[in-house]
PDB file of all heavy atoms in Angstrom:
ATOM      1  N   PHE A   1      82.508  96.076 131.608  1.00  0.00           N
ATOM      2  CA  PHE A   1      83.404  97.111 132.006  1.00  0.00           C
ATOM      3  C   PHE A   1      82.689  98.425 132.107  1.00  0.00           C
ATOM      4  O   PHE A   1      82.914  99.354 133.033  1.00  0.00           O
ATOM      5  CB  PHE A   1      84.579  97.296 131.056  1.00  0.00           C
ATOM      6  CG  PHE A   1      85.675  96.297 131.519  1.00  0.00           C
ATOM      7  CD1 PHE A   1      85.731  94.977 130.916  1.00  0.00           C
ATOM      8  CD2 PHE A   1      86.789  96.683 132.297  1.00  0.00           C
ATOM      9  CE1 PHE A   1      86.650  94.040 131.234  1.00  0.00           C
ATOM     10  CE2 PHE A   1      87.697  95.747 132.623  1.00  0.00           C
ATOM     11  CZ  PHE A   1      87.770  94.466 132.102  1.00  0.00           C
ATOM     12  N   ARG A   2      81.714  98.764 131.191  1.00  0.00           N
ATOM     13  CA  ARG A   2      80.897 100.028 131.249  1.00  0.00           C
ATOM     14  C   ARG A   2      80.124 100.003 132.518  1.00  0.00           C
ATOM     15  O   ARG A   2      80.106 101.029 133.220  1.00  0.00           O
ATOM     16  CB  ARG A   2      79.948 100.093 130.032  1.00  0.00           C
ATOM     17  CG  ARG A   2      80.506 100.622 128.812  1.00  0.00           C
ATOM     18  CD  ARG A   2      79.491 100.935 127.795  1.00  0.00           C
ATOM     19  NE  ARG A   2      78.374  99.949 127.565  1.00  0.00           N
ATOM     20  CZ  ARG A   2      77.101  99.918 128.113  1.00  0.00           C
ATOM     21  NH1 ARG A   2      76.857 101.031 128.956  1.00  0.00           N
ATOM     22  NH2 ARG A   2      76.276  99.071 127.862  1.00  0.00           N
ATOM     23  N   ALA A   3      79.493  98.889 132.849  1.00  0.00           N
ATOM     24  CA  ALA A   3      78.699  98.741 134.068  1.00  0.00           C
ATOM     25  C   ALA A   3      79.628  99.057 135.384  1.00  0.00           C
ATOM     26  O   ALA A   3      79.139  99.852 136.207  1.00  0.00           O
ATOM     27  CB  ALA A   3      78.088  97.430 134.186  1.00  0.00           C
ATOM     28  N   ARG A   4      80.864  98.535 135.342  1.00  0.00           N
ATOM     29  CA  ARG A   4      81.799  98.773 136.477  1.00  0.00           C
ATOM     30  C   ARG A   4      82.087 100.229 136.689  1.00  0.00           C
ATOM     31  O   ARG A   4      82.260 100.772 137.758  1.00  0.00           O
ATOM     32  CB  ARG A   4      83.080  98.144 136.256  1.00  0.00           C
ATOM     33  CG  ARG A   4      83.037  96.604 136.322  1.00  0.00           C
ATOM     34  CD  ARG A   4      84.417  96.051 136.149  1.00  0.00           C
ATOM     35  NE  ARG A   4      84.370  94.610 135.914  1.00  0.00           N
ATOM     36  CZ  ARG A   4      85.474  93.882 135.706  1.00  0.00           C
ATOM     37  NH1 ARG A   4      86.647  94.453 135.633  1.00  0.00           N
ATOM     38  NH2 ARG A   4      85.311  92.576 135.501  1.00  0.00           N
ATOM     39  N   HIS A   5      82.043 100.961 135.505  1.00  0.00           N
ATOM     40  CA  HIS A   5      82.476 102.377 135.566  1.00  0.00           C
ATOM     41  C   HIS A   5      81.216 103.334 135.557  1.00  0.00           C
ATOM     42  O   HIS A   5      81.378 104.547 135.556  1.00  0.00           O
ATOM     43  CB  HIS A   5      83.366 102.740 134.383  1.00  0.00           C
ATOM     44  CG  HIS A   5      84.644 102.068 134.541  1.00  0.00           C
ATOM     45  ND1 HIS A   5      85.709 102.557 135.342  1.00  0.00           N
ATOM     46  CD2 HIS A   5      85.278 100.937 133.971  1.00  0.00           C
ATOM     47  CE1 HIS A   5      86.787 101.877 135.348  1.00  0.00           C
ATOM     48  NE2 HIS A   5      86.511 100.909 134.528  1.00  0.00           N
ATOM     49  N   GLY A   6      80.046 102.735 135.365  1.00  0.00           N
ATOM     50  CA  GLY A   6      78.847 103.508 135.379  1.00  0.00           C
ATOM     51  C   GLY A   6      78.733 104.395 134.130  1.00  0.00           C
ATOM     52  O   GLY A   6      78.225 105.546 134.195  1.00  0.00           O
ATOM     53  N   ILE A   7      79.175 103.871 132.976  1.00  0.00           N
ATOM     54  CA  ILE A   7      79.225 104.689 131.743  1.00  0.00           C
ATOM     55  C   ILE A   7      78.147 104.122 130.869  1.00  0.00           C
ATOM     56  O   ILE A   7      78.004 102.885 130.621  1.00  0.00           O
ATOM     57  CB  ILE A   7      80.618 104.536 131.036  1.00  0.00           C
ATOM     58  CG1 ILE A   7      81.683 105.109 131.984  1.00  0.00           C
ATOM     59  CG2 ILE A   7      80.573 105.220 129.751  1.00  0.00           C
ATOM     60  CD1 ILE A   7      83.112 104.893 131.514  1.00  0.00           C
ATOM     61  N   THR A   8      77.350 104.975 130.267  1.00  0.00           N
ATOM     62  CA  THR A   8      76.311 104.510 129.358  1.00  0.00           C
ATOM     63  C   THR A   8      77.065 104.281 127.965  1.00  0.00           C
ATOM     64  O   THR A   8      78.076 104.724 127.664  1.00  0.00           O
ATOM     65  CB  THR A   8      75.186 105.516 129.151  1.00  0.00           C
ATOM     66  OG1 THR A   8      75.762 106.697 128.462  1.00  0.00           O
ATOM     67  CG2 THR A   8      74.575 105.856 130.516  1.00  0.00           C
ATOM     68  N   GLN A   9      76.257 103.705 126.995  1.00  0.00           N
ATOM     69  CA  GLN A   9      76.729 103.520 125.657  1.00  0.00           C
ATOM     70  C   GLN A   9      76.980 104.848 125.001  1.00  0.00           C
ATOM     71  O   GLN A   9      77.896 105.064 124.321  1.00  0.00           O
ATOM     72  CB  GLN A   9      75.673 102.720 124.872  1.00  0.00           C
ATOM     73  CG  GLN A   9      75.686 101.186 125.195  1.00  0.00           C
ATOM     74  CD  GLN A   9      74.561 100.510 124.434  1.00  0.00           C
ATOM     75  OE1 GLN A   9      73.583 101.025 123.977  1.00  0.00           O
ATOM     76  NE2 GLN A   9      74.783  99.173 124.330  1.00  0.00           N
ATOM     77  N   ALA A  10      76.025 105.771 125.297  1.00  0.00           N
ATOM     78  CA  ALA A  10      76.093 107.106 124.618  1.00  0.00           C
ATOM     79  C   ALA A  10      77.426 107.833 125.209  1.00  0.00           C
ATOM     80  O   ALA A  10      78.081 108.516 124.489  1.00  0.00           O
ATOM     81  CB  ALA A  10      74.844 107.908 124.906  1.00  0.00           C
ATOM     82  N   ASP A  11      77.636 107.692 126.527  1.00  0.00           N
ATOM     83  CA  ASP A  11      78.723 108.350 127.130  1.00  0.00           C
ATOM     84  C   ASP A  11      80.081 107.838 126.481  1.00  0.00           C
ATOM     85  O   ASP A  11      80.931 108.604 126.177  1.00  0.00           O
ATOM     86  CB  ASP A  11      78.858 108.130 128.647  1.00  0.00           C
ATOM     87  CG  ASP A  11      77.795 108.824 129.387  1.00  0.00           C
ATOM     88  OD1 ASP A  11      77.163 109.924 128.930  1.00  0.00           O
ATOM     89  OD2 ASP A  11      77.434 108.419 130.586  1.00  0.00           O
ATOM     90  N   LEU A  12      80.113 106.481 126.403  1.00  0.00           N
ATOM     91  CA  LEU A  12      81.265 105.914 125.825  1.00  0.00           C
ATOM     92  C   LEU A  12      81.481 106.296 124.361  1.00  0.00           C
ATOM     93  O   LEU A  12      82.661 106.678 123.988  1.00  0.00           O
ATOM     94  CB  LEU A  12      81.308 104.378 125.954  1.00  0.00           C
ATOM     95  CG  LEU A  12      82.506 103.612 125.445  1.00  0.00           C
ATOM     96  CD1 LEU A  12      83.784 104.096 126.102  1.00  0.00           C
ATOM     97  CD2 LEU A  12      82.269 102.162 125.665  1.00  0.00           C
ATOM     98  N   ALA A  13      80.408 106.373 123.606  1.00  0.00           N
ATOM     99  CA  ALA A  13      80.405 106.744 122.282  1.00  0.00           C
ATOM    100  C   ALA A  13      81.015 108.175 122.130  1.00  0.00           C
ATOM    101  O   ALA A  13      81.901 108.388 121.340  1.00  0.00           O
ATOM    102  CB  ALA A  13      79.074 106.611 121.613  1.00  0.00           C
ATOM    103  N   ASP A  14      80.487 109.107 122.900  1.00  0.00           N
ATOM    104  CA  ASP A  14      80.992 110.453 122.966  1.00  0.00           C
ATOM    105  C   ASP A  14      82.436 110.544 123.251  1.00  0.00           C
ATOM    106  O   ASP A  14      83.156 111.329 122.617  1.00  0.00           O
ATOM    107  CB  ASP A  14      80.241 111.328 123.965  1.00  0.00           C
ATOM    108  CG  ASP A  14      78.802 111.639 123.491  1.00  0.00           C
ATOM    109  OD1 ASP A  14      78.484 111.483 122.226  1.00  0.00           O
ATOM    110  OD2 ASP A  14      77.933 112.072 124.330  1.00  0.00           O
ATOM    111  N   ARG A  15      82.897 109.767 124.236  1.00  0.00           N
ATOM    112  CA  ARG A  15      84.249 109.813 124.680  1.00  0.00           C
ATOM    113  C   ARG A  15      85.306 109.335 123.615  1.00  0.00           C
ATOM    114  O   ARG A  15      86.396 109.837 123.599  1.00  0.00           O
ATOM    115  CB  ARG A  15      84.454 109.051 125.949  1.00  0.00           C
ATOM    116  CG  ARG A  15      83.767 109.698 127.172  1.00  0.00           C
ATOM    117  CD  ARG A  15      83.974 108.758 128.356  1.00  0.00           C
ATOM    118  NE  ARG A  15      83.211 109.233 129.502  1.00  0.00           N
ATOM    119  CZ  ARG A  15      83.336 108.828 130.759  1.00  0.00           C
ATOM    120  NH1 ARG A  15      84.235 107.872 130.957  1.00  0.00           N
ATOM    121  NH2 ARG A  15      82.607 109.330 131.727  1.00  0.00           N
ATOM    122  N   VAL A  16      84.808 108.400 122.747  1.00  0.00           N
ATOM    123  CA  VAL A  16      85.827 107.837 121.762  1.00  0.00           C
ATOM    124  C   VAL A  16      85.412 108.379 120.359  1.00  0.00           C
ATOM    125  O   VAL A  16      86.109 107.969 119.394  1.00  0.00           O
ATOM    126  CB  VAL A  16      85.759 106.303 121.844  1.00  0.00           C
ATOM    127  CG1 VAL A  16      86.325 105.787 123.214  1.00  0.00           C
ATOM    128  CG2 VAL A  16      84.556 105.716 121.500  1.00  0.00           C
ATOM    129  N   GLY A  17      84.442 109.184 120.210  1.00  0.00           N
ATOM    130  CA  GLY A  17      84.150 109.803 118.930  1.00  0.00           C
ATOM    131  C   GLY A  17      83.444 108.983 117.909  1.00  0.00           C
ATOM    132  O   GLY A  17      83.686 109.150 116.722  1.00  0.00           O
ATOM    133  N   VAL A  18      82.539 108.115 118.427  1.00  0.00           N
ATOM    134  CA  VAL A  18      81.740 107.330 117.515  1.00  0.00           C
ATOM    135  C   VAL A  18      80.266 107.528 117.842  1.00  0.00           C
ATOM    136  O   VAL A  18      79.932 108.107 118.927  1.00  0.00           O
ATOM    137  CB  VAL A  18      82.123 105.775 117.470  1.00  0.00           C
ATOM    138  CG1 VAL A  18      83.500 105.633 117.094  1.00  0.00           C
ATOM    139  CG2 VAL A  18      81.861 105.238 118.878  1.00  0.00           C
ATOM    140  N   ARG A  19      79.401 106.898 117.016  1.00  0.00           N
ATOM    141  CA  ARG A  19      77.959 106.952 117.357  1.00  0.00           C
ATOM    142  C   ARG A  19      77.582 105.868 118.322  1.00  0.00           C
ATOM    143  O   ARG A  19      78.277 104.828 118.333  1.00  0.00           O
ATOM    144  CB  ARG A  19      77.130 106.807 116.055  1.00  0.00           C
ATOM    145  CG  ARG A  19      77.268 107.858 115.081  1.00  0.00           C
ATOM    146  CD  ARG A  19      76.615 107.710 113.763  1.00  0.00           C
ATOM    147  NE  ARG A  19      75.383 106.922 113.884  1.00  0.00           N
ATOM    148  CZ  ARG A  19      74.460 106.678 113.012  1.00  0.00           C
ATOM    149  NH1 ARG A  19      74.688 107.215 111.772  1.00  0.00           N
ATOM    150  NH2 ARG A  19      73.412 106.042 113.232  1.00  0.00           N
ATOM    151  N   ARG A  20      76.541 106.031 119.086  1.00  0.00           N
ATOM    152  CA  ARG A  20      76.059 105.048 120.041  1.00  0.00           C
ATOM    153  C   ARG A  20      75.741 103.698 119.352  1.00  0.00           C
ATOM    154  O   ARG A  20      76.103 102.682 119.946  1.00  0.00           O
ATOM    155  CB  ARG A  20      74.829 105.536 120.751  1.00  0.00           C
ATOM    156  CG  ARG A  20      74.374 104.617 121.891  1.00  0.00           C
ATOM    157  CD  ARG A  20      73.054 104.933 122.541  1.00  0.00           C
ATOM    158  NE  ARG A  20      72.011 104.813 121.555  1.00  0.00           N
ATOM    159  CZ  ARG A  20      71.425 103.589 121.301  1.00  0.00           C
ATOM    160  NH1 ARG A  20      71.853 102.491 121.915  1.00  0.00           N
ATOM    161  NH2 ARG A  20      70.443 103.503 120.373  1.00  0.00           N
ATOM    162  N   GLU A  21      75.309 103.771 118.150  1.00  0.00           N
ATOM    163  CA  GLU A  21      75.003 102.542 117.446  1.00  0.00           C
ATOM    164  C   GLU A  21      76.277 101.697 117.207  1.00  0.00           C
ATOM    165  O   GLU A  21      76.195 100.398 117.211  1.00  0.00           O
ATOM    166  CB  GLU A  21      74.378 102.852 116.091  1.00  0.00           C
ATOM    167  CG  GLU A  21      72.986 103.333 116.174  1.00  0.00           C
ATOM    168  CD  GLU A  21      72.898 104.830 116.588  1.00  0.00           C
ATOM    169  OE1 GLU A  21      73.916 105.571 116.579  1.00  0.00           O
ATOM    170  OE2 GLU A  21      71.751 105.298 116.633  1.00  0.00           O
ATOM    171  N   THR A  22      77.435 102.320 117.027  1.00  0.00           N
ATOM    172  CA  THR A  22      78.710 101.660 116.911  1.00  0.00           C
ATOM    173  C   THR A  22      78.990 100.892 118.183  1.00  0.00           C
ATOM    174  O   THR A  22      79.407  99.668 118.149  1.00  0.00           O
ATOM    175  CB  THR A  22      79.886 102.574 116.644  1.00  0.00           C
ATOM    176  OG1 THR A  22      79.504 103.308 115.391  1.00  0.00           O
ATOM    177  CG2 THR A  22      81.223 101.931 116.484  1.00  0.00           C
ATOM    178  N   ILE A  23      78.788 101.469 119.349  1.00  0.00           N
ATOM    179  CA  ILE A  23      79.008 100.768 120.615  1.00  0.00           C
ATOM    180  C   ILE A  23      77.990  99.598 120.774  1.00  0.00           C
ATOM    181  O   ILE A  23      78.438  98.458 121.112  1.00  0.00           O
ATOM    182  CB  ILE A  23      78.798 101.806 121.879  1.00  0.00           C
ATOM    183  CG1 ILE A  23      79.830 103.012 121.764  1.00  0.00           C
ATOM    184  CG2 ILE A  23      78.979 100.972 123.114  1.00  0.00           C
ATOM    185  CD1 ILE A  23      81.280 102.539 121.688  1.00  0.00           C
ATOM    186  N   VAL A  24      76.807  99.767 120.241  1.00  0.00           N
ATOM    187  CA  VAL A  24      75.866  98.664 120.290  1.00  0.00           C
ATOM    188  C   VAL A  24      76.372  97.460 119.530  1.00  0.00           C
ATOM    189  O   VAL A  24      76.321  96.359 119.963  1.00  0.00           O
ATOM    190  CB  VAL A  24      74.352  99.160 119.802  1.00  0.00           C
ATOM    191  CG1 VAL A  24      73.458  97.922 119.601  1.00  0.00           C
ATOM    192  CG2 VAL A  24      73.792 100.080 120.706  1.00  0.00           C
ATOM    193  N   HIS A  25      76.835  97.711 118.316  1.00  0.00           N
ATOM    194  CA  HIS A  25      77.277  96.698 117.441  1.00  0.00           C
ATOM    195  C   HIS A  25      78.443  96.067 117.933  1.00  0.00           C
ATOM    196  O   HIS A  25      78.745  94.860 117.783  1.00  0.00           O
ATOM    197  CB  HIS A  25      77.502  97.172 116.001  1.00  0.00           C
ATOM    198  CG  HIS A  25      76.281  97.513 115.254  1.00  0.00           C
ATOM    199  ND1 HIS A  25      75.389  96.573 114.866  1.00  0.00           N
ATOM    200  CD2 HIS A  25      75.706  98.648 114.911  1.00  0.00           C
ATOM    201  CE1 HIS A  25      74.306  97.169 114.258  1.00  0.00           C
ATOM    202  NE2 HIS A  25      74.550  98.437 114.283  1.00  0.00           N
ATOM    203  N   LEU A  26      79.379  96.837 118.538  1.00  0.00           N
ATOM    204  CA  LEU A  26      80.603  96.214 119.248  1.00  0.00           C
ATOM    205  C   LEU A  26      80.203  95.316 120.279  1.00  0.00           C
ATOM    206  O   LEU A  26      80.818  94.171 120.411  1.00  0.00           O
ATOM    207  CB  LEU A  26      81.523  97.408 119.744  1.00  0.00           C
ATOM    208  CG  LEU A  26      82.384  98.178 118.644  1.00  0.00           C
ATOM    209  CD1 LEU A  26      82.846  99.504 119.287  1.00  0.00           C
ATOM    210  CD2 LEU A  26      83.424  97.233 118.071  1.00  0.00           C
ATOM    211  N   GLU A  27      79.303  95.731 121.141  1.00  0.00           N
ATOM    212  CA  GLU A  27      78.869  94.876 122.251  1.00  0.00           C
ATOM    213  C   GLU A  27      78.256  93.657 121.814  1.00  0.00           C
ATOM    214  O   GLU A  27      78.311  92.612 122.472  1.00  0.00           O
ATOM    215  CB  GLU A  27      78.001  95.683 123.205  1.00  0.00           C
ATOM    216  CG  GLU A  27      78.752  96.777 124.003  1.00  0.00           C
ATOM    217  CD  GLU A  27      77.908  97.448 125.156  1.00  0.00           C
ATOM    218  OE1 GLU A  27      76.806  97.196 125.203  1.00  0.00           O
ATOM    219  OE2 GLU A  27      78.574  98.301 125.793  1.00  0.00           O
ATOM    220  N   LYS A  28      77.537  93.694 120.720  1.00  0.00           N
ATOM    221  CA  LYS A  28      76.854  92.492 120.122  1.00  0.00           C
ATOM    222  C   LYS A  28      77.824  91.547 119.465  1.00  0.00           C
ATOM    223  O   LYS A  28      77.581  90.405 119.105  1.00  0.00           O
ATOM    224  CB  LYS A  28      75.793  92.856 119.119  1.00  0.00           C
ATOM    225  CG  LYS A  28      74.600  93.462 119.843  1.00  0.00           C
ATOM    226  CD  LYS A  28      73.518  93.755 118.844  1.00  0.00           C
ATOM    227  CE  LYS A  28      72.288  94.287 119.424  1.00  0.00           C
ATOM    228  NZ  LYS A  28      71.245  94.592 118.376  1.00  0.00           N
ATOM    229  N   GLY A  29      79.084  92.049 119.193  1.00  0.00           N
ATOM    230  CA  GLY A  29      80.074  91.346 118.416  1.00  0.00           C
ATOM    231  C   GLY A  29      79.811  91.245 116.894  1.00  0.00           C
ATOM    232  O   GLY A  29      80.323  90.450 116.171  1.00  0.00           O
ATOM    233  N   THR A  30      78.997  92.223 116.364  1.00  0.00           N
ATOM    234  CA  THR A  30      78.680  92.259 115.041  1.00  0.00           C
ATOM    235  C   THR A  30      79.605  93.301 114.283  1.00  0.00           C
ATOM    236  O   THR A  30      79.479  93.414 113.089  1.00  0.00           O
ATOM    237  CB  THR A  30      77.250  92.629 114.698  1.00  0.00           C
ATOM    238  OG1 THR A  30      76.941  93.905 115.278  1.00  0.00           O
ATOM    239  CG2 THR A  30      76.294  91.470 115.233  1.00  0.00           C
ATOM    240  N   TYR A  31      80.427  93.926 114.967  1.00  0.00           N
ATOM    241  CA  TYR A  31      81.376  94.892 114.349  1.00  0.00           C
ATOM    242  C   TYR A  31      82.781  94.756 115.049  1.00  0.00           C
ATOM    243  O   TYR A  31      82.869  94.694 116.301  1.00  0.00           O
ATOM    244  CB  TYR A  31      80.856  96.276 114.597  1.00  0.00           C
ATOM    245  CG  TYR A  31      81.683  97.411 114.070  1.00  0.00           C
ATOM    246  CD1 TYR A  31      81.803  97.742 112.666  1.00  0.00           C
ATOM    247  CD2 TYR A  31      82.525  98.178 114.916  1.00  0.00           C
ATOM    248  CE1 TYR A  31      82.632  98.718 112.211  1.00  0.00           C
ATOM    249  CE2 TYR A  31      83.328  99.244 114.451  1.00  0.00           C
ATOM    250  CZ  TYR A  31      83.371  99.490 113.136  1.00  0.00           C
ATOM    251  OH  TYR A  31      84.150 100.509 112.623  1.00  0.00           O
ATOM    252  N   THR A  32      83.750  94.666 114.181  1.00  0.00           N
ATOM    253  CA  THR A  32      85.076  94.542 114.721  1.00  0.00           C
ATOM    254  C   THR A  32      85.813  95.946 114.694  1.00  0.00           C
ATOM    255  O   THR A  32      85.839  96.598 113.560  1.00  0.00           O
ATOM    256  CB  THR A  32      85.977  93.535 113.860  1.00  0.00           C
ATOM    257  OG1 THR A  32      85.197  92.264 113.953  1.00  0.00           O
ATOM    258  CG2 THR A  32      87.386  93.451 114.409  1.00  0.00           C
ATOM    259  N   PRO A  33      86.213  96.525 115.775  1.00  0.00           N
ATOM    260  CA  PRO A  33      86.786  97.800 115.745  1.00  0.00           C
ATOM    261  C   PRO A  33      88.261  97.869 115.121  1.00  0.00           C
ATOM    262  O   PRO A  33      88.870  96.857 115.083  1.00  0.00           O
ATOM    263  CB  PRO A  33      86.837  98.145 117.266  1.00  0.00           C
ATOM    264  CG  PRO A  33      87.064  96.794 117.915  1.00  0.00           C
ATOM    265  CD  PRO A  33      86.311  95.821 117.037  1.00  0.00           C
ATOM    266  N   SER A  34      88.581  98.996 114.741  1.00  0.00           N
ATOM    267  CA  SER A  34      89.927  99.294 114.351  1.00  0.00           C
ATOM    268  C   SER A  34      90.852  99.197 115.585  1.00  0.00           C
ATOM    269  O   SER A  34      90.326  99.230 116.710  1.00  0.00           O
ATOM    270  CB  SER A  34      90.105 100.653 113.685  1.00  0.00           C
ATOM    271  OG  SER A  34      89.866 101.665 114.664  1.00  0.00           O
ATOM    272  N   LEU A  35      92.075  98.987 115.425  1.00  0.00           N
ATOM    273  CA  LEU A  35      92.992  98.847 116.517  1.00  0.00           C
ATOM    274  C   LEU A  35      92.965 100.204 117.334  1.00  0.00           C
ATOM    275  O   LEU A  35      92.901 100.193 118.603  1.00  0.00           O
ATOM    276  CB  LEU A  35      94.419  98.629 116.069  1.00  0.00           C
ATOM    277  CG  LEU A  35      95.454  98.506 117.174  1.00  0.00           C
ATOM    278  CD1 LEU A  35      95.119  97.460 118.196  1.00  0.00           C
ATOM    279  CD2 LEU A  35      96.804  98.175 116.513  1.00  0.00           C
ATOM    280  N   ARG A  36      92.878 101.316 116.684  1.00  0.00           N
ATOM    281  CA  ARG A  36      92.784 102.530 117.359  1.00  0.00           C
ATOM    282  C   ARG A  36      91.594 102.670 118.262  1.00  0.00           C
ATOM    283  O   ARG A  36      91.631 103.180 119.328  1.00  0.00           O
ATOM    284  CB  ARG A  36      92.927 103.743 116.280  1.00  0.00           C
ATOM    285  CG  ARG A  36      92.741 105.156 117.023  1.00  0.00           C
ATOM    286  CD  ARG A  36      92.803 106.301 116.000  1.00  0.00           C
ATOM    287  NE  ARG A  36      94.011 106.354 115.268  1.00  0.00           N
ATOM    288  CZ  ARG A  36      95.079 107.075 115.714  1.00  0.00           C
ATOM    289  NH1 ARG A  36      95.019 107.739 116.778  1.00  0.00           N
ATOM    290  NH2 ARG A  36      96.131 107.080 114.930  1.00  0.00           N
ATOM    291  N   LEU A  37      90.372 102.384 117.645  1.00  0.00           N
ATOM    292  CA  LEU A  37      89.176 102.388 118.401  1.00  0.00           C
ATOM    293  C   LEU A  37      89.204 101.472 119.555  1.00  0.00           C
ATOM    294  O   LEU A  37      88.713 101.767 120.680  1.00  0.00           O
ATOM    295  CB  LEU A  37      88.025 102.198 117.528  1.00  0.00           C
ATOM    296  CG  LEU A  37      86.640 102.220 118.131  1.00  0.00           C
ATOM    297  CD1 LEU A  37      86.263 103.562 118.864  1.00  0.00           C
ATOM    298  CD2 LEU A  37      85.550 101.901 117.149  1.00  0.00           C
ATOM    299  N   ALA A  38      89.676 100.265 119.339  1.00  0.00           N
ATOM    300  CA  ALA A  38      89.757  99.335 120.416  1.00  0.00           C
ATOM    301  C   ALA A  38      90.613  99.872 121.560  1.00  0.00           C
ATOM    302  O   ALA A  38      90.354  99.718 122.741  1.00  0.00           O
ATOM    303  CB  ALA A  38      90.330  97.972 119.894  1.00  0.00           C
ATOM    304  N   TRP A  39      91.746 100.567 121.220  1.00  0.00           N
ATOM    305  CA  TRP A  39      92.681 101.064 122.239  1.00  0.00           C
ATOM    306  C   TRP A  39      91.953 102.227 122.911  1.00  0.00           C
ATOM    307  O   TRP A  39      92.029 102.310 124.163  1.00  0.00           O
ATOM    308  CB  TRP A  39      93.960 101.444 121.531  1.00  0.00           C
ATOM    309  CG  TRP A  39      94.941 102.105 122.419  1.00  0.00           C
ATOM    310  CD1 TRP A  39      95.764 101.495 123.294  1.00  0.00           C
ATOM    311  CD2 TRP A  39      95.195 103.478 122.690  1.00  0.00           C
ATOM    312  NE1 TRP A  39      96.517 102.394 124.014  1.00  0.00           N
ATOM    313  CE2 TRP A  39      96.179 103.669 123.610  1.00  0.00           C
ATOM    314  CE3 TRP A  39      94.628 104.716 122.062  1.00  0.00           C
ATOM    315  CZ2 TRP A  39      96.601 104.875 124.011  1.00  0.00           C
ATOM    316  CZ3 TRP A  39      95.103 105.911 122.481  1.00  0.00           C
ATOM    317  CH2 TRP A  39      96.071 106.020 123.503  1.00  0.00           C
ATOM    318  N   GLN A  40      91.282 103.139 122.258  1.00  0.00           N
ATOM    319  CA  GLN A  40      90.581 104.192 122.862  1.00  0.00           C
ATOM    320  C   GLN A  40      89.549 103.753 123.831  1.00  0.00           C
ATOM    321  O   GLN A  40      89.484 104.273 124.954  1.00  0.00           O
ATOM    322  CB  GLN A  40      89.895 105.069 121.797  1.00  0.00           C
ATOM    323  CG  GLN A  40      90.894 105.897 120.949  1.00  0.00           C
ATOM    324  CD  GLN A  40      90.204 106.551 119.808  1.00  0.00           C
ATOM    325  OE1 GLN A  40      89.307 106.003 119.131  1.00  0.00           O
ATOM    326  NE2 GLN A  40      90.603 107.863 119.602  1.00  0.00           N
TER     327      GLN A  40
END
């Protein structure tokens, strides 16, 4: 979905208020987001 929208990990992290590393872990499936973060 990021690729479809041309959004980098850093851009997405900034938009939802987390660190880029959080996005990395989410994409690898090693971190389960809160419902609020998943929704954002």
